[in-house]
Structure formats: structure tokens, C-alpha cells
Amino acid sequence: MLFASTARRPAVRIPDTDYRHEVTFSEQITFLSVEDLERSAKFYEDVLGLTLVTDQGDCRIYRVAGDSYLGICARSGRTATEGVIVTLVTEDVDGVHGRMLAAGVVCDSPPAYHPKYAIYQAFYRDPDGHLIEVQRFDDPSWKVPL
């Protein structure tokens, strides 16, 4: 038996059923709350170079890669969530690092190799304090076809 829990709701019992083959997901979107939509849009469009897919007025959705998206929504008083990391994977961590520094983005941790995970990574903060990780996987098993 599994239990799902959030900080706002009590644990809910999830039945002991194997759901692995019952659902196929076609896309993925992660939404972040932001104070100033225009300021955040400038960061995600101009600094990170993400392509705007749809503008819903108080939310904007950007293509990160393939069928993976990042959404930002104007939500006053609900910004950075501790423990949440948006990880963007690229072969050019150093190039992104230079771009981020040139744009004045806060760098929490400059590019460094971590042998335990076979990754090369750097950490930054978006305008609302969300933690953004830029990472390269050096583990050859990472891109194994499903």
C-alpha cells in the first residue's frame, strides 16, 4: 500500500494495484508560481531561450525539449518552493553558465563535476528564487532507449 501526502492534506490511501501499464503520458508540464509574470517571462525567454508555446494571460507555457514544458503563472504570495529544483539538461553547461552570468542571474553554485552521479552541473535562481539546475549527464546509461 502506498500513501500520498501533501503539507495541506492528510495522507490518502492508494490501492495496492499495479498501474504501470494502464496510463501512457504524452507530455509533461511543470508549473511555477511567480510574482511578476513579465519579469519572469523575460528570464525564461531572453536568458534561457525557451520558446513560448502558449500565453494564457496569467500563465505562459514554454517548450523545454520535445514534449516537456515549463509553465509560469502569476500567483501573488506563492513563489519559490523549498526542495523543488527545475533541472534543464544540456551538453553545454559552460555556455549556459556564461549566458546566465552575462544576464546578471544569481549563481548559487558554478559548474562542477560530481563523480558520484556522473554529472556536470550548476545552480542558479530565477527572478522569484526558484532553483534552476543546468546539468549534463556523463553516465552512458542515461540515454538508454525505453
C-alpha atoms as a PDB file:
ATOM      1  CA  MET A   1       0.000   0.000   0.000  1.00  0.00           C
ATOM      2  CA  LEU A   2       1.267   3.474  -0.926  1.00  0.00           C
ATOM      3  CA  PHE A   3       0.358   6.735   0.732  1.00  0.00           C
ATOM      4  CA  ALA A   4       0.221  10.134  -0.911  1.00  0.00           C
ATOM      5  CA  SER A   5       0.635  13.181   1.273  1.00  0.00           C
ATOM      6  CA  THR A   6       0.930  16.929   0.971  1.00  0.00           C
ATOM      7  CA  ALA A   7       1.569  19.606   3.547  1.00  0.00           C
ATOM      8  CA  ARG A   8      -2.035  20.767   3.275  1.00  0.00           C
ATOM      9  CA  ARG A   9      -3.918  17.452   3.167  1.00  0.00           C
ATOM     10  CA  PRO A  10      -3.752  14.289   5.240  1.00  0.00           C
ATOM     11  CA  ALA A  11      -2.285  11.100   3.764  1.00  0.00           C
ATOM     12  CA  VAL A  12      -4.599   9.310   1.333  1.00  0.00           C
ATOM     13  CA  ARG A  13      -4.534   5.547   0.876  1.00  0.00           C
ATOM     14  CA  ILE A  14      -3.684   4.475  -2.673  1.00  0.00           C
ATOM     15  CA  PRO A  15      -4.916   0.956  -3.525  1.00  0.00           C
ATOM     16  CA  ASP A  16      -2.371  -1.864  -3.942  1.00  0.00           C
ATOM     17  CA  THR A  17      -2.816  -2.006  -7.698  1.00  0.00           C
ATOM     18  CA  ASP A  18      -0.123  -2.137 -10.364  1.00  0.00           C
ATOM     19  CA  TYR A  19      -0.847   0.901 -12.531  1.00  0.00           C
ATOM     20  CA  ARG A  20       2.388   0.839 -14.532  1.00  0.00           C
ATOM     21  CA  HIS A  21       0.758  -0.241 -17.797  1.00  0.00           C
ATOM     22  CA  GLU A  22      -2.631   1.458 -17.534  1.00  0.00           C
ATOM     23  CA  VAL A  23      -1.606   5.033 -18.359  1.00  0.00           C
ATOM     24  CA  THR A  24       0.579   6.488 -21.068  1.00  0.00           C
ATOM     25  CA  PHE A  25       1.565  10.122 -20.643  1.00  0.00           C
ATOM     26  CA  SER A  26       2.215  12.099 -23.816  1.00  0.00           C
ATOM     27  CA  GLU A  27       3.578  15.333 -22.370  1.00  0.00           C
ATOM     28  CA  GLN A  28       4.905  16.827 -19.137  1.00  0.00           C
ATOM     29  CA  ILE A  29       4.451  20.350 -17.761  1.00  0.00           C
ATOM     30  CA  THR A  30       5.909  21.743 -14.551  1.00  0.00           C
ATOM     31  CA  PHE A  31       4.248  24.944 -13.312  1.00  0.00           C
ATOM     32  CA  LEU A  32       5.957  27.565 -11.155  1.00  0.00           C
ATOM     33  CA  SER A  33       4.220  30.425  -9.343  1.00  0.00           C
ATOM     34  CA  VAL A  34       5.749  33.843  -9.971  1.00  0.00           C
ATOM     35  CA  GLU A  35       5.143  37.334  -8.588  1.00  0.00           C
ATOM     36  CA  ASP A  36       5.802  39.299 -11.787  1.00  0.00           C
ATOM     37  CA  LEU A  37       4.862  37.432 -14.973  1.00  0.00           C
ATOM     38  CA  GLU A  38       6.595  39.882 -17.329  1.00  0.00           C
ATOM     39  CA  ARG A  39       9.866  39.804 -15.381  1.00  0.00           C
ATOM     40  CA  SER A  40       9.838  36.004 -15.265  1.00  0.00           C
ATOM     41  CA  ALA A  41       8.865  35.724 -18.941  1.00  0.00           C
ATOM     42  CA  LYS A  42      11.875  37.870 -19.836  1.00  0.00           C
ATOM     43  CA  PHE A  43      14.113  35.479 -17.873  1.00  0.00           C
ATOM     44  CA  TYR A  44      12.731  32.281 -19.410  1.00  0.00           C
ATOM     45  CA  GLU A  45      12.511  33.693 -22.946  1.00  0.00           C
ATOM     46  CA  ASP A  46      15.518  36.008 -23.212  1.00  0.00           C
ATOM     47  CA  VAL A  47      18.018  34.458 -20.795  1.00  0.00           C
ATOM     48  CA  LEU A  48      17.226  30.745 -21.072  1.00  0.00           C
ATOM     49  CA  GLY A  49      15.980  30.998 -24.656  1.00  0.00           C
ATOM     50  CA  LEU A  50      12.846  28.897 -24.116  1.00  0.00           C
ATOM     51  CA  THR A  51      10.161  29.061 -26.803  1.00  0.00           C
ATOM     52  CA  LEU A  52       6.738  30.337 -25.759  1.00  0.00           C
ATOM     53  CA  VAL A  53       4.103  27.764 -26.723  1.00  0.00           C
ATOM     54  CA  THR A  54       1.010  29.449 -25.321  1.00  0.00           C
ATOM     55  CA  ASP A  55       0.121  32.625 -23.456  1.00  0.00           C
ATOM     56  CA  GLN A  56      -2.961  32.133 -21.292  1.00  0.00           C
ATOM     57  CA  GLY A  57      -2.960  35.630 -19.833  1.00  0.00           C
ATOM     58  CA  ASP A  58      -1.854  34.929 -16.272  1.00  0.00           C
ATOM     59  CA  CYS A  59       0.142  31.798 -17.277  1.00  0.00           C
ATOM     60  CA  ARG A  60       2.696  31.166 -20.007  1.00  0.00           C
ATOM     61  CA  ILE A  61       3.913  27.769 -21.128  1.00  0.00           C
ATOM     62  CA  TYR A  62       7.350  27.210 -22.678  1.00  0.00           C
ATOM     63  CA  ARG A  63       8.774  24.237 -24.541  1.00  0.00           C
ATOM     64  CA  VAL A  64      11.877  22.923 -22.778  1.00  0.00           C
ATOM     65  CA  ALA A  65      12.549  19.901 -25.004  1.00  0.00           C
ATOM     66  CA  GLY A  66      10.432  17.550 -27.100  1.00  0.00           C
ATOM     67  CA  ASP A  67       7.189  17.122 -25.178  1.00  0.00           C
ATOM     68  CA  SER A  68       8.477  18.663 -21.949  1.00  0.00           C
ATOM     69  CA  TYR A  69       7.230  22.084 -20.878  1.00  0.00           C
ATOM     70  CA  LEU A  70       7.650  24.661 -18.140  1.00  0.00           C
ATOM     71  CA  GLY A  71       4.780  26.923 -17.176  1.00  0.00           C
ATOM     72  CA  ILE A  72       4.910  30.129 -15.158  1.00  0.00           C
ATOM     73  CA  CYS A  73       1.770  31.559 -13.574  1.00  0.00           C
ATOM     74  CA  ALA A  74       1.267  34.894 -11.841  1.00  0.00           C
ATOM     75  CA  ARG A  75       0.305  33.987  -8.272  1.00  0.00           C
ATOM     76  CA  SER A  76       0.927  36.689  -5.703  1.00  0.00           C
ATOM     77  CA  GLY A  77       2.474  35.448  -2.468  1.00  0.00           C
ATOM     78  CA  ARG A  78       3.208  31.919  -3.742  1.00  0.00           C
ATOM     79  CA  THR A  79       6.716  31.772  -5.166  1.00  0.00           C
ATOM     80  CA  ALA A  80       9.796  29.581  -4.699  1.00  0.00           C
ATOM     81  CA  THR A  81       9.160  26.208  -3.121  1.00  0.00           C
ATOM     82  CA  GLU A  82      11.981  24.814  -0.998  1.00  0.00           C
ATOM     83  CA  GLY A  83      13.172  21.435  -2.226  1.00  0.00           C
ATOM     84  CA  VAL A  84      11.901  21.907  -5.791  1.00  0.00           C
ATOM     85  CA  ILE A  85      14.554  22.014  -8.498  1.00  0.00           C
ATOM     86  CA  VAL A  86      13.891  22.652 -12.182  1.00  0.00           C
ATOM     87  CA  THR A  87      16.634  20.739 -13.998  1.00  0.00           C
ATOM     88  CA  LEU A  88      17.466  21.622 -17.591  1.00  0.00           C
ATOM     89  CA  VAL A  89      19.735  19.117 -19.328  1.00  0.00           C
ATOM     90  CA  THR A  90      22.228  20.284 -21.950  1.00  0.00           C
ATOM     91  CA  GLU A  91      25.636  19.326 -23.294  1.00  0.00           C
ATOM     92  CA  ASP A  92      26.710  22.988 -22.997  1.00  0.00           C
ATOM     93  CA  VAL A  93      26.641  23.710 -19.247  1.00  0.00           C
ATOM     94  CA  ASP A  94      29.575  26.152 -19.556  1.00  0.00           C
ATOM     95  CA  GLY A  95      27.899  28.055 -22.390  1.00  0.00           C
ATOM     96  CA  VAL A  96      24.691  28.419 -20.388  1.00  0.00           C
ATOM     97  CA  HIS A  97      26.753  29.491 -17.381  1.00  0.00           C
ATOM     98  CA  GLY A  98      28.341  32.316 -19.383  1.00  0.00           C
ATOM     99  CA  ARG A  99      24.933  33.391 -20.679  1.00  0.00           C
ATOM    100  CA  MET A 100      23.468  33.399 -17.155  1.00  0.00           C
ATOM    101  CA  LEU A 101      26.336  35.439 -15.699  1.00  0.00           C
ATOM    102  CA  ALA A 102      26.188  37.924 -18.574  1.00  0.00           C
ATOM    103  CA  ALA A 103      22.478  38.427 -17.816  1.00  0.00           C
ATOM    104  CA  GLY A 104      23.196  39.027 -14.117  1.00  0.00           C
ATOM    105  CA  VAL A 105      21.497  35.830 -12.943  1.00  0.00           C
ATOM    106  CA  VAL A 106      22.282  34.749  -9.384  1.00  0.00           C
ATOM    107  CA  CYS A 107      24.586  31.710  -9.445  1.00  0.00           C
ATOM    108  CA  ASP A 108      24.277  29.522  -6.341  1.00  0.00           C
ATOM    109  CA  SER A 109      26.930  27.053  -7.491  1.00  0.00           C
ATOM    110  CA  PRO A 110      29.182  27.362 -10.572  1.00  0.00           C
ATOM    111  CA  PRO A 111      29.687  24.419 -12.938  1.00  0.00           C
ATOM    112  CA  ALA A 112      31.319  21.442 -11.230  1.00  0.00           C
ATOM    113  CA  TYR A 113      31.664  17.733 -11.887  1.00  0.00           C
ATOM    114  CA  HIS A 114      30.129  15.311  -9.378  1.00  0.00           C
ATOM    115  CA  PRO A 115      31.583  11.821  -9.857  1.00  0.00           C
ATOM    116  CA  LYS A 116      29.055  10.115  -7.564  1.00  0.00           C
ATOM    117  CA  TYR A 117      26.289  10.886 -10.077  1.00  0.00           C
ATOM    118  CA  ALA A 118      28.476  11.293 -13.196  1.00  0.00           C
ATOM    119  CA  ILE A 119      27.040  14.761 -13.821  1.00  0.00           C
ATOM    120  CA  TYR A 120      28.392  18.222 -14.566  1.00  0.00           C
ATOM    121  CA  GLN A 121      26.060  20.836 -13.081  1.00  0.00           C
ATOM    122  CA  ALA A 122      25.500  24.414 -11.974  1.00  0.00           C
ATOM    123  CA  PHE A 123      22.710  26.038  -9.946  1.00  0.00           C
ATOM    124  CA  TYR A 124      21.017  29.419 -10.427  1.00  0.00           C
ATOM    125  CA  ARG A 125      17.986  31.341  -9.144  1.00  0.00           C
ATOM    126  CA  ASP A 126      15.238  32.668 -11.369  1.00  0.00           C
ATOM    127  CA  PRO A 127      13.743  36.100 -10.560  1.00  0.00           C
ATOM    128  CA  ASP A 128      11.392  34.539  -7.973  1.00  0.00           C
ATOM    129  CA  GLY A 129      14.077  32.466  -6.283  1.00  0.00           C
ATOM    130  CA  HIS A 130      13.198  29.121  -7.906  1.00  0.00           C
ATOM    131  CA  LEU A 131      16.251  26.871  -8.045  1.00  0.00           C
ATOM    132  CA  ILE A 132      17.314  26.159 -11.636  1.00  0.00           C
ATOM    133  CA  GLU A 133      19.871  23.428 -12.265  1.00  0.00           C
ATOM    134  CA  VAL A 134      21.690  23.211 -15.583  1.00  0.00           C
ATOM    135  CA  GLN A 135      23.149  19.747 -15.980  1.00  0.00           C
ATOM    136  CA  ARG A 136      24.974  17.384 -18.306  1.00  0.00           C
ATOM    137  CA  PHE A 137      24.796  13.626 -17.759  1.00  0.00           C
ATOM    138  CA  ASP A 138      28.095  11.830 -18.310  1.00  0.00           C
ATOM    139  CA  ASP A 139      26.689   8.418 -17.363  1.00  0.00           C
ATOM    140  CA  PRO A 140      26.422   6.403 -20.629  1.00  0.00           C
ATOM    141  CA  SER A 141      23.379   4.546 -19.303  1.00  0.00           C
ATOM    142  CA  TRP A 142      21.349   7.785 -19.079  1.00  0.00           C
ATOM    143  CA  LYS A 143      20.168   7.755 -22.698  1.00  0.00           C
ATOM    144  CA  VAL A 144      19.239   4.074 -22.879  1.00  0.00           C
ATOM    145  CA  PRO A 145      16.177   3.686 -25.144  1.00  0.00           C
ATOM    146  CA  LEU A 146      12.994   2.644 -23.346  1.00  0.00           C
END
